[in-house]
Amino acid sequence: MFLFPIVIVVIYAVLFVIAPGKVGLAIKSSGNVFLNVIIPLSLVFIIMLLINLFLKPAAVAKFLGKVSGVKGIALSAAAGIISTGPIYAWYPLLKDLKEKGAGESSIAIFLCNRAVKPFLLPVMIAYFGWVYVVILTILTVLSSIVIGYVLNTLTWGNDSSPAVKESGDTA
């Protein structure tokens, strides 16, 4: 478990002897990356903790499962739009939701709608105009639903979700 951090410290120590200035810049750069990632990653882990405490697999399957309907689509799209941080920070949460019974379409809709960022809309409007931005946003949301439907259709027989297999139903 500690092998990787120990190897990194040894490498930094050896390189510090060779080029102390560059190692200082590397440590500063690594620290900046860590600070940029720690907040979104912490948020994801807190959300995962809350989901594990309060949501049962049947509830996840009901709200985000393959047959969740319009509510599941709306929830996935809204969650994708308001989500922040780097996408790789969301992968553990999405994996956890999938294992609890969330459908492939819900995850695809979430991922596609991450392209819509409300805090960037004023800047986009300033550069491209409000008509363009409104049309682009609507088409992004609608295309995410189409992509989710296509993905759901292509993977319908390949559900490896333990929650669905244990309960025996997909609703």
N, C-alpha and C. Protein backbone atom coordinates (compact mmCIF):
# COMPACT_ATOMS: atom_id res chain seq x y z
N MET A 1 0.82 -1.19 0.00
CA MET A 1 0.00 0.00 0.00
C MET A 1 0.87 1.26 0.00
N PHE A 2 1.99 1.21 0.67
CA PHE A 2 2.85 2.39 0.75
C PHE A 2 4.02 2.34 -0.23
N LEU A 3 4.06 1.33 -1.07
CA LEU A 3 5.18 1.18 -2.00
C LEU A 3 5.28 2.37 -2.97
N PHE A 4 4.17 2.75 -3.57
CA PHE A 4 4.19 3.86 -4.53
C PHE A 4 4.65 5.16 -3.89
N PRO A 5 4.07 5.58 -2.75
CA PRO A 5 4.55 6.84 -2.15
C PRO A 5 6.03 6.78 -1.75
N ILE A 6 6.49 5.64 -1.27
CA ILE A 6 7.90 5.51 -0.89
C ILE A 6 8.79 5.65 -2.11
N VAL A 7 8.42 5.01 -3.21
CA VAL A 7 9.21 5.12 -4.45
C VAL A 7 9.25 6.57 -4.93
N ILE A 8 8.15 7.26 -4.86
CA ILE A 8 8.10 8.66 -5.30
C ILE A 8 9.01 9.53 -4.43
N VAL A 9 8.97 9.33 -3.12
CA VAL A 9 9.82 10.10 -2.22
C VAL A 9 11.30 9.83 -2.51
N VAL A 10 11.65 8.57 -2.76
CA VAL A 10 13.04 8.21 -3.08
C VAL A 10 13.47 8.89 -4.39
N ILE A 11 12.60 8.85 -5.39
CA ILE A 11 12.92 9.50 -6.67
C ILE A 11 13.13 11.00 -6.48
N TYR A 12 12.23 11.65 -5.73
CA TYR A 12 12.39 13.08 -5.47
C TYR A 12 13.69 13.36 -4.72
N ALA A 13 14.03 12.51 -3.76
CA ALA A 13 15.26 12.71 -2.98
C ALA A 13 16.50 12.60 -3.87
N VAL A 14 16.53 11.60 -4.74
CA VAL A 14 17.66 11.43 -5.65
C VAL A 14 17.76 12.61 -6.61
N LEU A 15 16.62 13.00 -7.15
CA LEU A 15 16.62 14.12 -8.09
C LEU A 15 16.93 15.45 -7.40
N PHE A 16 16.59 15.57 -6.13
CA PHE A 16 16.89 16.79 -5.39
C PHE A 16 18.40 17.02 -5.29
N VAL A 17 19.15 15.92 -5.18
CA VAL A 17 20.60 16.02 -5.12
C VAL A 17 21.15 16.48 -6.47
N ILE A 18 20.53 16.00 -7.55
CA ILE A 18 21.00 16.32 -8.90
C ILE A 18 20.58 17.71 -9.34
N ALA A 19 19.29 18.04 -9.17
CA ALA A 19 18.76 19.33 -9.64
C ALA A 19 17.73 19.86 -8.64
N PRO A 20 18.19 20.49 -7.57
CA PRO A 20 17.25 20.93 -6.52
C PRO A 20 16.22 21.96 -7.00
N GLY A 21 16.58 22.83 -7.92
CA GLY A 21 15.64 23.84 -8.41
C GLY A 21 14.46 23.23 -9.16
N LYS A 22 14.77 22.26 -10.00
CA LYS A 22 13.71 21.61 -10.79
C LYS A 22 12.81 20.76 -9.90
N VAL A 23 13.39 20.13 -8.88
CA VAL A 23 12.58 19.33 -7.95
C VAL A 23 11.63 20.23 -7.18
N GLY A 24 12.11 21.41 -6.80
CA GLY A 24 11.23 22.37 -6.12
C GLY A 24 10.06 22.79 -6.99
N LEU A 25 10.32 23.03 -8.28
CA LEU A 25 9.23 23.36 -9.21
C LEU A 25 8.28 22.18 -9.39
N ALA A 26 8.84 20.97 -9.44
CA ALA A 26 8.00 19.78 -9.60
C ALA A 26 7.11 19.58 -8.38
N ILE A 27 7.65 19.77 -7.19
CA ILE A 27 6.85 19.63 -5.97
C ILE A 27 5.76 20.69 -5.93
N LYS A 28 6.10 21.92 -6.31
CA LYS A 28 5.10 22.99 -6.33
C LYS A 28 4.00 22.68 -7.34
N SER A 29 4.37 22.18 -8.52
CA SER A 29 3.39 21.82 -9.54
C SER A 29 2.50 20.67 -9.06
N SER A 30 3.10 19.67 -8.43
CA SER A 30 2.32 18.54 -7.89
C SER A 30 1.36 19.02 -6.81
N GLY A 31 1.82 19.94 -5.99
CA GLY A 31 0.95 20.50 -4.95
C GLY A 31 -0.23 21.25 -5.53
N ASN A 32 0.01 22.00 -6.61
CA ASN A 32 -1.10 22.71 -7.27
C ASN A 32 -2.12 21.74 -7.85
N VAL A 33 -1.64 20.67 -8.48
CA VAL A 33 -2.57 19.66 -9.02
C VAL A 33 -3.37 19.04 -7.88
N PHE A 34 -2.69 18.70 -6.80
CA PHE A 34 -3.36 18.12 -5.64
C PHE A 34 -4.44 19.05 -5.11
N LEU A 35 -4.13 20.33 -4.96
CA LEU A 35 -5.11 21.29 -4.45
C LEU A 35 -6.29 21.46 -5.40
N ASN A 36 -6.04 21.38 -6.70
CA ASN A 36 -7.14 21.50 -7.67
C ASN A 36 -8.05 20.28 -7.67
N VAL A 37 -7.52 19.12 -7.32
CA VAL A 37 -8.28 17.88 -7.39
C VAL A 37 -8.92 17.53 -6.06
N ILE A 38 -8.37 17.94 -4.95
CA ILE A 38 -8.82 17.48 -3.64
C ILE A 38 -10.26 17.91 -3.33
N ILE A 39 -10.66 19.11 -3.71
CA ILE A 39 -12.02 19.57 -3.40
C ILE A 39 -13.07 18.77 -4.18
N PRO A 40 -12.97 18.66 -5.52
CA PRO A 40 -13.97 17.86 -6.23
C PRO A 40 -13.94 16.38 -5.81
N LEU A 41 -12.75 15.85 -5.58
CA LEU A 41 -12.64 14.45 -5.19
C LEU A 41 -13.27 14.23 -3.81
N SER A 42 -13.04 15.17 -2.89
CA SER A 42 -13.66 15.08 -1.57
C SER A 42 -15.18 15.15 -1.68
N LEU A 43 -15.66 16.03 -2.54
CA LEU A 43 -17.10 16.15 -2.76
C LEU A 43 -17.68 14.83 -3.27
N VAL A 44 -17.00 14.21 -4.21
CA VAL A 44 -17.48 12.94 -4.75
C VAL A 44 -17.50 11.88 -3.66
N PHE A 45 -16.46 11.81 -2.85
CA PHE A 45 -16.43 10.80 -1.78
C PHE A 45 -17.51 11.06 -0.73
N ILE A 46 -17.80 12.33 -0.44
CA ILE A 46 -18.88 12.65 0.49
C ILE A 46 -20.22 12.23 -0.10
N ILE A 47 -20.42 12.50 -1.39
CA ILE A 47 -21.66 12.08 -2.05
C ILE A 47 -21.78 10.56 -2.03
N MET A 48 -20.67 9.87 -2.30
CA MET A 48 -20.69 8.40 -2.26
C MET A 48 -21.04 7.91 -0.86
N LEU A 49 -20.50 8.53 0.18
CA LEU A 49 -20.81 8.16 1.55
C LEU A 49 -22.30 8.34 1.82
N LEU A 50 -22.84 9.48 1.43
CA LEU A 50 -24.26 9.74 1.64
C LEU A 50 -25.14 8.77 0.85
N ILE A 51 -24.74 8.46 -0.37
CA ILE A 51 -25.50 7.50 -1.17
C ILE A 51 -25.48 6.14 -0.50
N ASN A 52 -24.32 5.71 -0.02
CA ASN A 52 -24.22 4.40 0.63
C ASN A 52 -25.01 4.36 1.94
N LEU A 53 -25.11 5.50 2.64
CA LEU A 53 -25.85 5.53 3.89
C LEU A 53 -27.37 5.57 3.69
N PHE A 54 -27.81 6.36 2.72
CA PHE A 54 -29.23 6.64 2.63
C PHE A 54 -29.96 6.01 1.45
N LEU A 55 -29.26 5.67 0.38
CA LEU A 55 -29.93 5.10 -0.78
C LEU A 55 -29.73 3.60 -0.84
N LYS A 56 -30.81 2.91 -1.00
CA LYS A 56 -30.75 1.46 -1.17
C LYS A 56 -30.69 1.17 -2.67
N PRO A 57 -30.11 0.03 -3.05
CA PRO A 57 -30.02 -0.30 -4.48
C PRO A 57 -31.37 -0.23 -5.21
N ALA A 58 -32.44 -0.61 -4.55
CA ALA A 58 -33.75 -0.56 -5.20
C ALA A 58 -34.15 0.88 -5.52
N ALA A 59 -33.79 1.83 -4.64
CA ALA A 59 -34.12 3.24 -4.89
C ALA A 59 -33.31 3.78 -6.06
N VAL A 60 -32.04 3.42 -6.13
CA VAL A 60 -31.20 3.87 -7.24
C VAL A 60 -31.74 3.30 -8.54
N ALA A 61 -32.09 2.01 -8.52
CA ALA A 61 -32.63 1.39 -9.72
C ALA A 61 -33.95 2.05 -10.12
N LYS A 62 -34.74 2.48 -9.14
CA LYS A 62 -36.02 3.13 -9.43
C LYS A 62 -35.79 4.50 -10.07
N PHE A 63 -34.84 5.30 -9.53
CA PHE A 63 -34.63 6.66 -10.03
C PHE A 63 -33.70 6.73 -11.24
N LEU A 64 -32.74 5.81 -11.33
CA LEU A 64 -31.76 5.88 -12.41
C LEU A 64 -31.63 4.59 -13.19
N GLY A 65 -32.52 3.64 -12.96
CA GLY A 65 -32.45 2.35 -13.63
C GLY A 65 -32.88 2.42 -15.08
N LYS A 66 -32.83 1.27 -15.74
CA LYS A 66 -33.14 1.21 -17.17
C LYS A 66 -34.57 1.64 -17.49
N VAL A 67 -35.48 1.47 -16.57
CA VAL A 67 -36.88 1.83 -16.81
C VAL A 67 -37.30 3.00 -15.92
N SER A 68 -36.38 3.91 -15.64
CA SER A 68 -36.66 5.03 -14.74
C SER A 68 -37.54 6.11 -15.37
N GLY A 69 -37.60 6.12 -16.69
CA GLY A 69 -38.48 7.05 -17.38
C GLY A 69 -37.98 8.48 -17.40
N VAL A 70 -38.94 9.40 -17.54
CA VAL A 70 -38.63 10.82 -17.70
C VAL A 70 -37.95 11.39 -16.46
N LYS A 71 -38.35 10.94 -15.26
CA LYS A 71 -37.72 11.44 -14.04
C LYS A 71 -36.24 11.09 -14.00
N GLY A 72 -35.89 9.88 -14.38
CA GLY A 72 -34.49 9.47 -14.41
C GLY A 72 -33.68 10.25 -15.42
N ILE A 73 -34.28 10.49 -16.58
CA ILE A 73 -33.61 11.28 -17.61
C ILE A 73 -33.37 12.70 -17.12
N ALA A 74 -34.40 13.31 -16.52
CA ALA A 74 -34.28 14.68 -16.02
C ALA A 74 -33.26 14.77 -14.89
N LEU A 75 -33.27 13.80 -13.99
CA LEU A 75 -32.32 13.80 -12.88
C LEU A 75 -30.89 13.64 -13.37
N SER A 76 -30.67 12.74 -14.32
CA SER A 76 -29.33 12.54 -14.88
C SER A 76 -28.84 13.77 -15.61
N ALA A 77 -29.72 14.39 -16.40
CA ALA A 77 -29.33 15.59 -17.15
C ALA A 77 -29.02 16.74 -16.19
N ALA A 78 -29.87 16.95 -15.19
CA ALA A 78 -29.64 18.04 -14.24
C ALA A 78 -28.37 17.81 -13.44
N ALA A 79 -28.12 16.59 -13.02
CA ALA A 79 -26.91 16.28 -12.26
C ALA A 79 -25.67 16.53 -13.11
N GLY A 80 -25.72 16.16 -14.39
CA GLY A 80 -24.59 16.41 -15.27
C GLY A 80 -24.32 17.89 -15.48
N ILE A 81 -25.39 18.66 -15.59
CA ILE A 81 -25.25 20.10 -15.81
C ILE A 81 -24.65 20.79 -14.59
N ILE A 82 -25.08 20.42 -13.39
CA ILE A 82 -24.60 21.13 -12.20
C ILE A 82 -23.30 20.55 -11.64
N SER A 83 -22.84 19.42 -12.17
CA SER A 83 -21.61 18.82 -11.65
C SER A 83 -20.41 19.68 -12.01
N THR A 84 -19.42 19.70 -11.12
CA THR A 84 -18.21 20.48 -11.35
C THR A 84 -16.99 19.62 -11.11
N GLY A 85 -15.84 20.15 -11.42
CA GLY A 85 -14.59 19.43 -11.19
C GLY A 85 -14.20 18.57 -12.37
N PRO A 86 -13.04 17.95 -12.27
CA PRO A 86 -12.57 17.10 -13.37
C PRO A 86 -13.42 15.84 -13.49
N ILE A 87 -13.61 15.38 -14.71
CA ILE A 87 -14.48 14.23 -14.95
C ILE A 87 -13.98 12.98 -14.25
N TYR A 88 -12.67 12.78 -14.19
CA TYR A 88 -12.16 11.56 -13.58
C TYR A 88 -12.49 11.49 -12.09
N ALA A 89 -12.79 12.61 -11.48
CA ALA A 89 -13.18 12.59 -10.07
C ALA A 89 -14.59 12.00 -9.90
N TRP A 90 -15.38 12.02 -10.96
CA TRP A 90 -16.74 11.49 -10.90
C TRP A 90 -16.82 10.00 -11.20
N TYR A 91 -15.80 9.42 -11.80
CA TYR A 91 -15.84 8.02 -12.18
C TYR A 91 -16.13 7.07 -11.01
N PRO A 92 -15.51 7.25 -9.82
CA PRO A 92 -15.84 6.33 -8.72
C PRO A 92 -17.32 6.38 -8.34
N LEU A 93 -17.89 7.59 -8.32
CA LEU A 93 -19.31 7.73 -7.98
C LEU A 93 -20.18 7.06 -9.03
N LEU A 94 -19.88 7.27 -10.30
CA LEU A 94 -20.66 6.67 -11.37
C LEU A 94 -20.56 5.14 -11.34
N LYS A 95 -19.37 4.63 -11.05
CA LYS A 95 -19.20 3.17 -10.92
C LYS A 95 -20.05 2.64 -9.77
N ASP A 96 -20.03 3.36 -8.65
CA ASP A 96 -20.82 2.96 -7.49
C ASP A 96 -22.31 2.97 -7.81
N LEU A 97 -22.78 4.00 -8.51
CA LEU A 97 -24.19 4.06 -8.90
C LEU A 97 -24.55 2.93 -9.85
N LYS A 98 -23.65 2.61 -10.78
CA LYS A 98 -23.90 1.51 -11.72
C LYS A 98 -24.02 0.18 -10.97
N GLU A 99 -23.13 -0.03 -9.99
CA GLU A 99 -23.19 -1.25 -9.20
C GLU A 99 -24.46 -1.34 -8.38
N LYS A 100 -25.06 -0.20 -8.04
CA LYS A 100 -26.29 -0.18 -7.26
C LYS A 100 -27.54 -0.25 -8.14
N GLY A 101 -27.34 -0.27 -9.46
CA GLY A 101 -28.48 -0.47 -10.35
C GLY A 101 -28.78 0.65 -11.32
N ALA A 102 -27.97 1.69 -11.37
CA ALA A 102 -28.20 2.76 -12.34
C ALA A 102 -27.98 2.22 -13.75
N GLY A 103 -28.79 2.66 -14.67
CA GLY A 103 -28.70 2.19 -16.05
C GLY A 103 -27.59 2.89 -16.82
N GLU A 104 -27.17 2.24 -17.90
CA GLU A 104 -26.14 2.82 -18.76
C GLU A 104 -26.60 4.15 -19.35
N SER A 105 -27.89 4.23 -19.67
CA SER A 105 -28.40 5.46 -20.27
C SER A 105 -28.30 6.64 -19.31
N SER A 106 -28.59 6.42 -18.04
CA SER A 106 -28.50 7.50 -17.05
C SER A 106 -27.07 8.01 -16.92
N ILE A 107 -26.12 7.09 -16.91
CA ILE A 107 -24.71 7.47 -16.79
C ILE A 107 -24.27 8.22 -18.04
N ALA A 108 -24.69 7.75 -19.22
CA ALA A 108 -24.33 8.42 -20.47
C ALA A 108 -24.93 9.83 -20.52
N ILE A 109 -26.17 9.97 -20.09
CA ILE A 109 -26.82 11.29 -20.07
C ILE A 109 -26.07 12.23 -19.13
N PHE A 110 -25.69 11.72 -17.96
CA PHE A 110 -24.91 12.52 -17.02
C PHE A 110 -23.61 13.00 -17.65
N LEU A 111 -22.87 12.08 -18.25
CA LEU A 111 -21.57 12.42 -18.83
C LEU A 111 -21.70 13.42 -19.98
N CYS A 112 -22.69 13.23 -20.84
CA CYS A 112 -22.88 14.15 -21.97
C CYS A 112 -23.26 15.55 -21.49
N ASN A 113 -24.08 15.63 -20.45
CA ASN A 113 -24.55 16.94 -19.99
C ASN A 113 -23.52 17.70 -19.18
N ARG A 114 -22.38 17.09 -18.91
CA ARG A 114 -21.29 17.83 -18.26
C ARG A 114 -20.77 18.93 -19.18
N ALA A 115 -21.07 18.84 -20.47
CA ALA A 115 -20.64 19.87 -21.42
C ALA A 115 -21.41 21.18 -21.23
N VAL A 116 -22.57 21.12 -20.59
CA VAL A 116 -23.36 22.32 -20.34
C VAL A 116 -22.95 22.87 -18.98
N LYS A 117 -22.37 24.04 -18.97
CA LYS A 117 -21.91 24.65 -17.72
C LYS A 117 -22.62 25.99 -17.53
N PRO A 118 -23.56 26.05 -16.58
CA PRO A 118 -24.32 27.29 -16.37
C PRO A 118 -23.45 28.53 -16.09
N PHE A 119 -22.35 28.36 -15.34
CA PHE A 119 -21.53 29.51 -15.01
C PHE A 119 -20.75 30.04 -16.22
N LEU A 120 -20.66 29.25 -17.30
CA LEU A 120 -19.99 29.72 -18.51
C LEU A 120 -20.97 30.29 -19.54
N LEU A 121 -22.26 30.13 -19.31
CA LEU A 121 -23.25 30.62 -20.28
C LEU A 121 -23.13 32.12 -20.56
N PRO A 122 -22.94 32.98 -19.54
CA PRO A 122 -22.79 34.41 -19.86
C PRO A 122 -21.60 34.71 -20.78
N VAL A 123 -20.50 34.00 -20.57
CA VAL A 123 -19.33 34.21 -21.43
C VAL A 123 -19.63 33.74 -22.85
N MET A 124 -20.28 32.58 -22.96
CA MET A 124 -20.65 32.08 -24.28
C MET A 124 -21.60 33.04 -24.99
N ILE A 125 -22.56 33.57 -24.24
CA ILE A 125 -23.51 34.52 -24.84
C ILE A 125 -22.77 35.77 -25.33
N ALA A 126 -21.79 36.24 -24.55
CA ALA A 126 -21.03 37.42 -24.94
C ALA A 126 -20.27 37.18 -26.25
N TYR A 127 -19.75 35.96 -26.44
CA TYR A 127 -18.97 35.66 -27.65
C TYR A 127 -19.85 35.27 -28.84
N PHE A 128 -20.89 34.47 -28.59
CA PHE A 128 -21.64 33.88 -29.69
C PHE A 128 -23.08 34.35 -29.83
N GLY A 129 -23.61 35.04 -28.83
CA GLY A 129 -25.00 35.48 -28.87
C GLY A 129 -25.92 34.48 -28.19
N TRP A 130 -27.03 35.00 -27.67
CA TRP A 130 -27.91 34.16 -26.87
C TRP A 130 -28.65 33.10 -27.70
N VAL A 131 -28.98 33.42 -28.95
CA VAL A 131 -29.69 32.45 -29.80
C VAL A 131 -28.83 31.20 -30.01
N TYR A 132 -27.58 31.41 -30.36
CA TYR A 132 -26.66 30.30 -30.58
C TYR A 132 -26.52 29.46 -29.31
N VAL A 133 -26.34 30.12 -28.17
CA VAL A 133 -26.11 29.41 -26.91
C VAL A 133 -27.36 28.61 -26.51
N VAL A 134 -28.53 29.19 -26.67
CA VAL A 134 -29.76 28.48 -26.32
C VAL A 134 -29.93 27.25 -27.22
N ILE A 135 -29.73 27.42 -28.51
CA ILE A 135 -29.86 26.29 -29.44
C ILE A 135 -28.82 25.21 -29.14
N LEU A 136 -27.58 25.62 -28.91
CA LEU A 136 -26.52 24.66 -28.59
C LEU A 136 -26.84 23.90 -27.30
N THR A 137 -27.32 24.59 -26.28
CA THR A 137 -27.64 23.95 -25.00
C THR A 137 -28.78 22.96 -25.17
N ILE A 138 -29.82 23.35 -25.87
CA ILE A 138 -30.96 22.45 -26.10
C ILE A 138 -30.52 21.23 -26.89
N LEU A 139 -29.74 21.44 -27.95
CA LEU A 139 -29.27 20.31 -28.75
C LEU A 139 -28.34 19.39 -27.95
N THR A 140 -27.53 19.96 -27.07
CA THR A 140 -26.65 19.14 -26.22
C THR A 140 -27.47 18.24 -25.30
N VAL A 141 -28.48 18.81 -24.66
CA VAL A 141 -29.32 18.02 -23.75
C VAL A 141 -30.10 16.96 -24.52
N LEU A 142 -30.70 17.35 -25.65
CA LEU A 142 -31.47 16.38 -26.45
C LEU A 142 -30.57 15.27 -27.01
N SER A 143 -29.38 15.63 -27.47
CA SER A 143 -28.49 14.61 -28.01
C SER A 143 -28.00 13.67 -26.90
N SER A 144 -27.87 14.17 -25.69
CA SER A 144 -27.47 13.29 -24.58
C SER A 144 -28.54 12.23 -24.33
N ILE A 145 -29.78 12.62 -24.49
CA ILE A 145 -30.88 11.66 -24.31
C ILE A 145 -30.85 10.62 -25.42
N VAL A 146 -30.60 11.05 -26.66
CA VAL A 146 -30.49 10.11 -27.78
C VAL A 146 -29.32 9.16 -27.55
N ILE A 147 -28.18 9.70 -27.14
CA ILE A 147 -27.01 8.85 -26.88
C ILE A 147 -27.32 7.86 -25.76
N GLY A 148 -27.97 8.32 -24.70
CA GLY A 148 -28.35 7.42 -23.61
C GLY A 148 -29.27 6.32 -24.09
N TYR A 149 -30.26 6.66 -24.92
CA TYR A 149 -31.18 5.66 -25.46
C TYR A 149 -30.45 4.64 -26.33
N VAL A 150 -29.58 5.12 -27.22
CA VAL A 150 -28.82 4.22 -28.10
C VAL A 150 -27.92 3.30 -27.27
N LEU A 151 -27.22 3.86 -26.30
CA LEU A 151 -26.35 3.05 -25.44
C LEU A 151 -27.16 2.02 -24.66
N ASN A 152 -28.31 2.43 -24.16
CA ASN A 152 -29.18 1.51 -23.43
C ASN A 152 -29.65 0.38 -24.34
N THR A 153 -29.98 0.71 -25.58
CA THR A 153 -30.43 -0.30 -26.54
C THR A 153 -29.30 -1.27 -26.88
N LEU A 154 -28.10 -0.75 -27.08
CA LEU A 154 -26.97 -1.60 -27.46
C LEU A 154 -26.49 -2.48 -26.31
N THR A 155 -26.71 -2.08 -25.07
CA THR A 155 -26.22 -2.86 -23.92
C THR A 155 -27.34 -3.50 -23.13
N TRP A 156 -28.54 -3.56 -23.66
CA TRP A 156 -29.69 -4.07 -22.90
C TRP A 156 -29.45 -5.47 -22.33
N GLY A 157 -28.83 -6.35 -23.08
CA GLY A 157 -28.63 -7.71 -22.61
C GLY A 157 -27.36 -7.89 -21.81
N ASN A 158 -26.59 -6.84 -21.58
CA ASN A 158 -25.30 -6.97 -20.91
C ASN A 158 -25.28 -6.30 -19.55
N ASP A 159 -26.37 -6.36 -18.79
CA ASP A 159 -26.40 -5.72 -17.49
C ASP A 159 -25.63 -6.56 -16.48
N SER A 160 -24.54 -6.01 -15.97
CA SER A 160 -23.73 -6.72 -14.99
C SER A 160 -23.91 -6.14 -13.60
N SER A 161 -25.01 -5.41 -13.38
CA SER A 161 -25.25 -4.76 -12.10
C SER A 161 -25.62 -5.78 -11.05
N PRO A 162 -24.85 -5.88 -9.94
CA PRO A 162 -25.18 -6.82 -8.89
C PRO A 162 -26.53 -6.54 -8.24
N ALA A 163 -26.91 -5.27 -8.14
CA ALA A 163 -28.18 -4.94 -7.51
C ALA A 163 -29.35 -5.50 -8.29
N VAL A 164 -29.25 -5.42 -9.61
CA VAL A 164 -30.34 -5.93 -10.44
C VAL A 164 -30.36 -7.45 -10.40
N LYS A 165 -29.18 -8.06 -10.43
CA LYS A 165 -29.12 -9.52 -10.40
C LYS A 165 -29.63 -10.07 -9.08
N GLU A 166 -29.32 -9.38 -7.94
CA GLU A 166 -29.76 -9.86 -6.64
C GLU A 166 -31.25 -9.73 -6.48
N SER A 167 -31.82 -8.59 -6.89
CA SER A 167 -33.24 -8.38 -6.65
C SER A 167 -34.10 -9.10 -7.68
N GLY A 168 -33.54 -9.38 -8.85
CA GLY A 168 -34.29 -10.11 -9.86
C GLY A 168 -35.14 -9.24 -10.75
N ASP A 169 -35.24 -7.94 -10.47
CA ASP A 169 -36.00 -7.06 -11.35
C ASP A 169 -35.19 -5.82 -11.66
N THR A 170 -35.63 -5.09 -12.67
CA THR A 170 -34.88 -3.91 -13.10
C THR A 170 -35.58 -2.62 -12.74
N ALA A 171 -36.67 -2.68 -12.02
CA ALA A 171 -37.40 -1.45 -11.69
C ALA A 171 -37.16 -0.98 -10.31
